[in-house]
Protein backbone atom coordinates (compact mmCIF):
# COMPACT_ATOMS: atom_id res chain seq x y z
CA UNK A 1 83.46 72.79 -78.68
CA UNK A 2 79.88 71.47 -78.95
CA UNK A 3 77.98 72.29 -82.12
CA UNK A 4 74.22 72.54 -82.41
CA UNK A 5 72.38 71.77 -85.65
CA UNK A 6 69.12 72.37 -83.82
CA UNK A 7 68.08 73.89 -80.51
CA UNK A 8 67.32 71.09 -78.02
CA UNK A 9 64.46 71.01 -75.54
CA UNK A 10 64.99 71.93 -71.90
CA UNK A 11 66.82 69.01 -70.20
CA UNK A 12 68.22 67.77 -73.57
CA UNK A 13 71.93 68.48 -74.04
CA UNK A 14 72.26 66.99 -77.55
CA UNK A 15 74.07 63.88 -76.26
CA UNK A 16 77.01 65.72 -74.68
CA UNK A 17 79.04 63.48 -72.31
CA UNK A 18 80.89 63.91 -69.08
CA UNK A 19 83.90 61.58 -68.78
CA UNK A 20 86.45 61.05 -66.02
CA UNK A 21 88.56 58.39 -64.26
CA UNK A 22 87.24 56.90 -61.05
CA UNK A 23 88.96 55.35 -58.08
CA UNK A 24 88.17 51.64 -57.86
CA UNK A 25 87.31 50.02 -54.50
CA UNK A 26 85.22 47.10 -53.42
CA UNK A 27 83.06 49.48 -51.45
CA UNK A 28 82.22 51.52 -54.55
CA UNK A 29 81.75 48.43 -56.75
CA UNK A 30 79.19 47.19 -54.23
CA UNK A 31 77.43 50.59 -53.97
CA UNK A 32 74.19 50.40 -55.95
CA UNK A 33 72.65 53.73 -54.83
CA UNK A 34 70.88 55.91 -57.45
CA UNK A 35 72.93 58.46 -59.43
CA UNK A 36 71.47 61.49 -61.26
CA UNK A 37 67.95 60.08 -60.82
CA UNK A 38 68.98 56.85 -62.57
CA UNK A 39 68.56 53.32 -61.15
CA UNK A 40 71.33 50.77 -60.89
CA UNK A 41 70.67 47.84 -63.27
CA UNK A 42 73.54 45.39 -63.04
CA UNK A 43 77.23 44.50 -62.94
CA UNK A 44 78.52 43.13 -66.21
CA UNK A 45 81.78 41.06 -66.15
CA UNK A 46 82.86 40.28 -69.72
CA UNK A 47 86.11 39.72 -71.53
CA UNK A 48 88.22 37.74 -73.97
CA UNK A 49 90.82 35.10 -73.21
CA UNK A 50 93.30 33.36 -75.49
CA UNK A 51 95.10 30.02 -75.06
CA UNK A 52 98.56 28.97 -76.21
CA UNK A 53 97.12 27.68 -79.47
CA UNK A 54 95.70 31.13 -80.32
CA UNK A 55 92.06 30.22 -79.76
CA UNK A 56 89.80 32.93 -78.39
CA UNK A 57 87.08 32.66 -75.74
CA UNK A 58 84.71 35.56 -75.07
CA UNK A 59 82.38 35.34 -72.10
CA UNK A 60 79.97 37.47 -70.12
CA UNK A 61 77.68 37.17 -67.13
CA UNK A 62 74.79 39.39 -66.05
CA UNK A 63 74.86 40.19 -62.32
CA UNK A 64 71.40 41.78 -62.15
CA UNK A 65 70.48 44.04 -59.30
CA UNK A 66 67.37 43.00 -57.29
CA UNK A 67 64.34 44.77 -58.72
CA UNK A 68 66.07 45.66 -62.01
CA UNK A 69 64.78 44.91 -65.51
CA UNK A 70 67.06 42.27 -67.10
CA UNK A 71 67.90 42.13 -70.77
CA UNK A 72 68.24 38.73 -72.53
CA UNK A 73 71.86 38.19 -71.43
CA UNK A 74 72.37 35.74 -68.53
CA UNK A 75 75.55 33.86 -69.42
CA UNK A 76 77.42 34.01 -72.72
CA UNK A 77 80.29 31.86 -73.86
CA UNK A 78 81.80 32.12 -77.34
CA UNK A 79 84.76 30.21 -78.71
CA UNK A 80 86.76 29.86 -81.93
CA UNK A 81 86.92 26.14 -81.18
CA UNK A 82 83.27 25.66 -82.15
CA UNK A 83 83.99 25.87 -85.90
CA UNK A 84 87.61 27.06 -86.10
CA UNK A 85 86.47 30.06 -88.19
CA UNK A 86 85.22 32.76 -85.88
CA UNK A 87 83.82 33.43 -82.39
CA UNK A 88 80.69 31.28 -82.19
CA UNK A 89 78.28 30.80 -79.33
CA UNK A 90 79.09 27.50 -77.67
CA UNK A 91 75.62 26.22 -76.90
CA UNK A 92 76.84 22.95 -75.39
CA UNK A 93 78.92 24.77 -72.77
CA UNK A 94 76.27 27.30 -71.98
CA UNK A 95 73.67 24.61 -71.48
CA UNK A 96 75.56 23.21 -68.44
CA UNK A 97 75.89 26.55 -66.61
CA UNK A 98 73.69 28.01 -63.90
CA UNK A 99 71.94 30.99 -65.48
CA UNK A 100 71.38 32.92 -62.27
CA UNK A 101 69.05 35.90 -62.74
CA UNK A 102 69.64 37.66 -59.43
CA UNK A 103 72.82 36.25 -57.77
CA UNK A 104 73.77 36.19 -54.14
CA UNK A 105 76.06 39.13 -53.39
CA UNK A 106 78.06 40.29 -50.32
CA UNK A 107 80.81 42.75 -49.34
CA UNK A 108 83.56 41.50 -47.00
CA UNK A 109 86.30 44.06 -46.30
CA UNK A 110 87.14 45.54 -49.69
CA UNK A 111 86.01 42.50 -51.72
CA UNK A 112 82.64 42.07 -53.39
CA UNK A 113 81.51 38.50 -54.15
CA UNK A 114 78.70 37.28 -56.34
CA UNK A 115 77.65 33.66 -56.67
CA UNK A 116 75.00 31.29 -57.99
CA UNK A 117 72.15 30.35 -55.68
CA UNK A 118 72.21 27.13 -53.70
CA UNK A 119 70.13 24.44 -55.34
CA UNK A 120 69.62 26.09 -58.73
CA UNK A 121 70.08 24.10 -61.93
CA UNK A 122 73.47 24.11 -63.67
CA UNK A 123 77.11 24.25 -62.62
CA UNK A 124 77.76 26.75 -59.82
CA UNK A 125 79.92 29.83 -60.17
CA UNK A 126 81.31 32.73 -58.19
CA UNK A 127 83.13 36.01 -58.90
CA UNK A 128 84.93 38.52 -56.72
CA UNK A 129 86.29 42.00 -57.29
CA UNK A 130 88.11 44.67 -55.28
CA UNK A 131 90.25 47.72 -55.76
CA UNK A 132 93.22 45.41 -56.42
CA UNK A 133 92.11 41.99 -57.52
CA UNK A 134 89.55 39.92 -59.42
CA UNK A 135 88.56 36.25 -59.63
CA UNK A 136 86.08 34.25 -61.72
CA UNK A 137 85.23 30.58 -61.13
CA UNK A 138 82.87 28.46 -63.22
CA UNK A 139 82.83 24.83 -61.96
CA UNK A 140 84.22 22.44 -64.54
CA UNK A 141 85.03 25.23 -67.00
CA UNK A 142 86.99 28.25 -65.80
CA UNK A 143 89.25 29.48 -63.02
CA UNK A 144 90.68 33.03 -63.37
CA UNK A 145 92.47 35.51 -61.12
CA UNK A 146 94.04 38.85 -61.82
CA UNK A 147 94.92 42.40 -60.87
CA UNK A 148 93.39 45.80 -61.51
CA UNK A 149 94.76 47.51 -64.58
CA UNK A 150 95.12 51.28 -64.23
CA UNK A 151 92.20 53.31 -62.99
CA UNK A 152 88.45 52.87 -63.50
CA UNK A 153 86.49 54.98 -65.95
CA UNK A 154 83.08 56.64 -65.93
CA UNK A 155 80.89 58.57 -68.31
CA UNK A 156 77.47 60.21 -68.03
CA UNK A 157 75.00 61.15 -70.78
CA UNK A 158 72.11 63.36 -69.63
CA UNK A 159 68.82 63.50 -71.47
CA UNK A 160 65.37 65.01 -71.31
CA UNK A 161 63.66 61.67 -70.56
CA UNK A 162 66.47 59.09 -70.70
CA UNK A 163 70.09 59.08 -69.49
CA UNK A 164 73.00 56.78 -68.82
CA UNK A 165 75.67 56.64 -66.13
CA UNK A 166 78.28 53.99 -66.96
CA UNK A 167 81.27 52.84 -64.88
CA UNK A 168 84.00 50.34 -65.78
CA UNK A 169 87.15 48.78 -64.39
CA UNK A 170 89.51 46.32 -66.14
CA UNK A 171 91.55 43.44 -64.72
CA UNK A 172 94.56 41.69 -66.30
CA UNK A 173 93.82 37.98 -65.74
CA UNK A 174 95.26 34.48 -66.19
CA UNK A 175 94.15 30.99 -65.27
CA UNK A 176 92.71 27.88 -66.91
CA UNK A 177 89.75 27.19 -69.19
CA UNK A 178 88.79 23.55 -69.89
CA UNK A 179 92.22 22.69 -68.46
CA UNK A 180 94.18 24.90 -70.83
CA UNK A 181 96.21 27.91 -69.65
CA UNK A 182 94.67 31.18 -70.74
CA UNK A 183 95.24 34.87 -70.23
CA UNK A 184 93.39 38.02 -71.21
CA UNK A 185 91.45 40.96 -69.84
CA UNK A 186 88.09 41.06 -68.01
CA UNK A 187 86.00 44.22 -67.85
CA UNK A 188 83.65 44.76 -64.92
CA UNK A 189 81.05 47.32 -65.98
CA UNK A 190 78.13 48.86 -64.12
CA UNK A 191 75.26 50.83 -65.61
CA UNK A 192 72.52 53.11 -64.28
CA UNK A 193 69.45 53.79 -66.41
CA UNK A 194 65.92 55.16 -65.95
CA UNK A 195 63.66 52.91 -63.94
CA UNK A 196 62.73 49.85 -66.06
CA UNK A 197 65.79 50.32 -68.30
CA UNK A 198 68.11 47.60 -69.54
CA UNK A 199 71.27 48.22 -71.57
CA UNK A 200 70.88 47.62 -75.32
CA UNK A 201 67.25 46.66 -74.65
CA UNK A 202 65.00 49.26 -73.02
CA UNK A 203 65.27 52.98 -72.19
CA UNK A 204 68.81 53.12 -73.56
CA UNK A 205 69.38 56.70 -74.66
CA UNK A 206 72.06 55.76 -77.18
CA UNK A 207 70.78 52.52 -78.68
CA UNK A 208 67.08 53.42 -78.67
CA UNK A 209 67.82 56.54 -80.71
CA UNK A 210 70.32 54.90 -83.09
CA UNK A 211 73.01 57.36 -82.10
CA UNK A 212 76.35 55.57 -81.94
CA UNK A 213 78.76 54.59 -84.69
CA UNK A 214 81.54 53.06 -82.58
CA UNK A 215 81.69 52.04 -78.89
CA UNK A 216 84.72 50.15 -77.58
CA UNK A 217 86.66 49.18 -74.51
CA UNK A 218 90.18 47.93 -75.07
CA UNK A 219 93.42 47.09 -73.33
CA UNK A 220 96.77 45.71 -74.57
CA UNK A 221 99.54 44.28 -72.39
CA UNK A 222 102.73 44.22 -74.43
CA UNK A 223 105.61 41.71 -74.29
CA UNK A 224 107.88 44.35 -72.74
CA UNK A 225 105.50 44.68 -69.81
CA UNK A 226 104.05 48.05 -70.83
CA UNK A 227 100.31 48.50 -71.43
CA UNK A 228 97.70 50.91 -72.66
CA UNK A 229 93.95 50.91 -72.38
CA UNK A 230 90.97 53.00 -73.28
CA UNK A 231 87.25 53.45 -73.63
CA UNK A 232 85.47 55.62 -76.17
CA UNK A 233 82.21 56.24 -77.99
CA UNK A 234 81.63 58.08 -81.23
CA UNK A 235 78.16 59.07 -82.44
CA UNK A 236 75.86 61.75 -83.77
CA UNK A 237 75.03 65.29 -82.55
CA UNK A 238 77.58 65.84 -79.75
CA UNK A 239 77.80 62.19 -78.63
CA UNK A 240 81.32 61.18 -77.91
CA UNK A 241 83.91 60.64 -75.18
CA UNK A 242 87.38 59.13 -74.89
CA UNK A 243 89.48 58.14 -71.91
CA UNK A 244 92.95 56.63 -72.35
CA UNK A 245 95.67 55.65 -69.94
CA UNK A 246 98.96 53.69 -69.81
CA UNK A 247 101.60 52.14 -67.56
CA UNK A 248 103.44 55.49 -67.31
CA UNK A 249 100.55 56.97 -65.36
CA UNK A 250 99.45 59.17 -68.27
CA UNK A 251 95.67 59.66 -68.41
CA UNK A 252 93.77 61.65 -71.01
CA UNK A 253 90.04 62.44 -71.09
CA UNK A 254 88.34 64.20 -73.96
CA UNK A 255 85.00 64.71 -75.63
CA UNK A 256 86.69 65.90 -78.86
CA UNK A 257 86.52 62.71 -80.82
CA UNK A 258 85.96 62.06 -84.55
CA UNK A 259 86.42 58.93 -86.62
CA UNK A 260 85.44 56.73 -89.47
CA UNK A 261 83.98 53.17 -89.55
CA UNK A 262 84.44 51.14 -92.73
CA UNK A 263 82.38 47.97 -92.89
CA UNK A 264 83.12 44.92 -94.98
CA UNK A 265 81.05 44.60 -98.16
CA UNK A 266 77.71 42.98 -97.36
CA UNK A 267 78.56 42.70 -93.68
CA UNK A 268 77.68 44.32 -90.35
CA UNK A 269 81.31 43.93 -89.23
CA UNK A 270 84.17 46.35 -89.55
CA UNK A 271 86.94 46.11 -92.13
CA UNK A 272 88.79 49.05 -90.61
CA UNK A 273 88.14 51.93 -88.25
CA UNK A 274 90.01 54.97 -87.00
CA UNK A 275 89.41 57.61 -84.36
CA UNK A 276 91.07 60.98 -83.83
CA UNK A 277 91.20 62.59 -80.37
CA UNK A 278 91.61 66.37 -79.98
CA UNK A 279 92.15 66.64 -83.72
CA UNK A 280 95.62 65.05 -83.62
CA UNK A 281 95.92 61.74 -81.72
CA UNK A 282 95.02 58.84 -84.04
CA UNK A 283 94.08 55.26 -83.05
CA UNK A 284 93.25 52.44 -85.48
CA UNK A 285 91.29 49.18 -85.16
CA UNK A 286 92.89 45.93 -86.26
CA UNK A 287 90.02 43.40 -86.57
CA UNK A 288 90.84 39.85 -85.56
CA UNK A 289 90.24 37.63 -88.59
CA UNK A 290 88.20 35.35 -86.27
CA UNK A 291 86.69 38.16 -84.21
CA UNK A 292 83.23 38.58 -85.79
CA UNK A 293 80.52 37.42 -83.34
CA UNK A 294 78.16 36.43 -86.11
CA UNK A 295 75.62 34.56 -83.94
CA UNK A 296 74.38 37.87 -82.50
CA UNK A 297 73.32 39.22 -85.90
CA UNK A 298 69.55 39.48 -86.03
CA UNK A 299 69.26 38.71 -82.33
CA UNK A 300 70.62 40.24 -79.15
CA UNK A 301 72.73 42.36 -78.79
CA UNK A 302 71.38 44.22 -81.82
CA UNK A 303 74.75 45.77 -82.64
CA UNK A 304 77.67 43.97 -84.35
CA UNK A 305 79.97 42.73 -81.60
CA UNK A 306 83.57 42.26 -82.71
CA UNK A 307 87.01 41.45 -81.31
CA UNK A 308 90.36 42.78 -82.50
CA UNK A 309 92.94 45.25 -81.25
CA UNK A 310 93.13 49.04 -80.99
CA UNK A 311 96.55 50.65 -81.26
CA UNK A 312 97.87 54.15 -81.57
CA UNK A 313 98.85 54.74 -85.20
CA UNK A 314 102.57 54.05 -85.59
CA UNK A 315 102.93 51.99 -82.41
CA UNK A 316 105.11 48.95 -83.23
CA UNK A 317 105.22 47.23 -79.81
CA UNK A 318 104.52 43.53 -79.86
CA UNK A 319 101.35 42.59 -77.93
CA UNK A 320 101.23 39.73 -75.44
CA UNK A 321 97.50 39.62 -74.62
CA UNK A 322 94.66 42.03 -75.08
CA UNK A 323 90.98 42.78 -75.37
CA UNK A 324 89.13 44.96 -77.83
CA UNK A 325 85.52 43.79 -77.56
CA UNK A 326 83.22 46.46 -78.85
CA UNK A 327 80.59 47.32 -81.38
CA UNK A 328 79.68 49.23 -84.49
CA UNK A 329 76.33 49.64 -86.24
CA UNK A 330 76.44 50.35 -90.00
CA UNK A 331 72.69 51.16 -89.84
CA UNK A 332 73.60 54.17 -87.67
CA UNK A 333 76.36 55.38 -89.98
CA UNK A 334 80.07 55.64 -90.63
CA UNK A 335 81.03 58.93 -88.93
CA UNK A 336 79.58 61.71 -86.86
CA UNK A 337 76.30 62.92 -88.46
CA UNK A 338 76.87 60.64 -91.44
CA UNK A 339 73.87 58.30 -91.21
CA UNK A 340 73.88 54.77 -92.52
CA UNK A 341 71.40 52.15 -93.73
CA UNK A 342 70.68 48.51 -93.29
CA UNK A 343 71.87 45.76 -95.64
CA UNK A 344 69.48 45.03 -98.46
């Protein structure tokens, strides 16, 4: 039940969220109409892959909508092969890529395709997504294909002046990267913000107001073929949602979420974290020892991006491949309405 430490203004709901599954289709992925008075900003494919030597590769592309306000992200590529220690931005690889600001896009049948523009600098690329399948090709670097995992998710945060409508779908993928076999999970997210808004950058109701403690999307495919996946946010006032699903067809949505973020000494990155849904279902974060994306600190995104794995407490299944790319912000705090501070 929502709690109010103060009486909000008209149109302000103290960061309460709506959360639900959503049926994925190419037609809906391609649909950029306004929702709740908010403007579509971009599609955001991102994810983490691993090769047979255990190296990680995290990548993202901004597929900005015509007329939208971009944030600094165009193409990101991080790899543990840069220094062998953690996920570092691979500047050499990024320098060869086409950094398309507003890509070509089209819908054919149930498949949406985005691609670099003819004649632009850098190696060409193209992506496609539908209600069943996904592909991502970067010439000379990457060739992925995969299948939709479960159902899509959506959440909405209303506000007096700002608001966010956020949609996501995940794909279980495999392919090659620099000639090596890889597998992992790619998220394809879409976000609607006030006109002129850009996620993590401008008119972002959560980030601008320093409201969130944890925000993650995760999925694990286990060696026995089973899988689970989820998306959640934990923050201050009444900010919070959780949506979890698995291969059995079980799907659970809730806004009753609490948790605790414990950061490493002198670091923006997590040592441990735990969330509790509906007062009883516990999940824990297992940080990857090489999962800290340290090159973002002091730059963009302004939150600490980190890889690892989320699992339900007590789950002993052996994972095959997974993603748990998310963020915390020790400056915002460690739990609901427990505010934090910056490092000295």
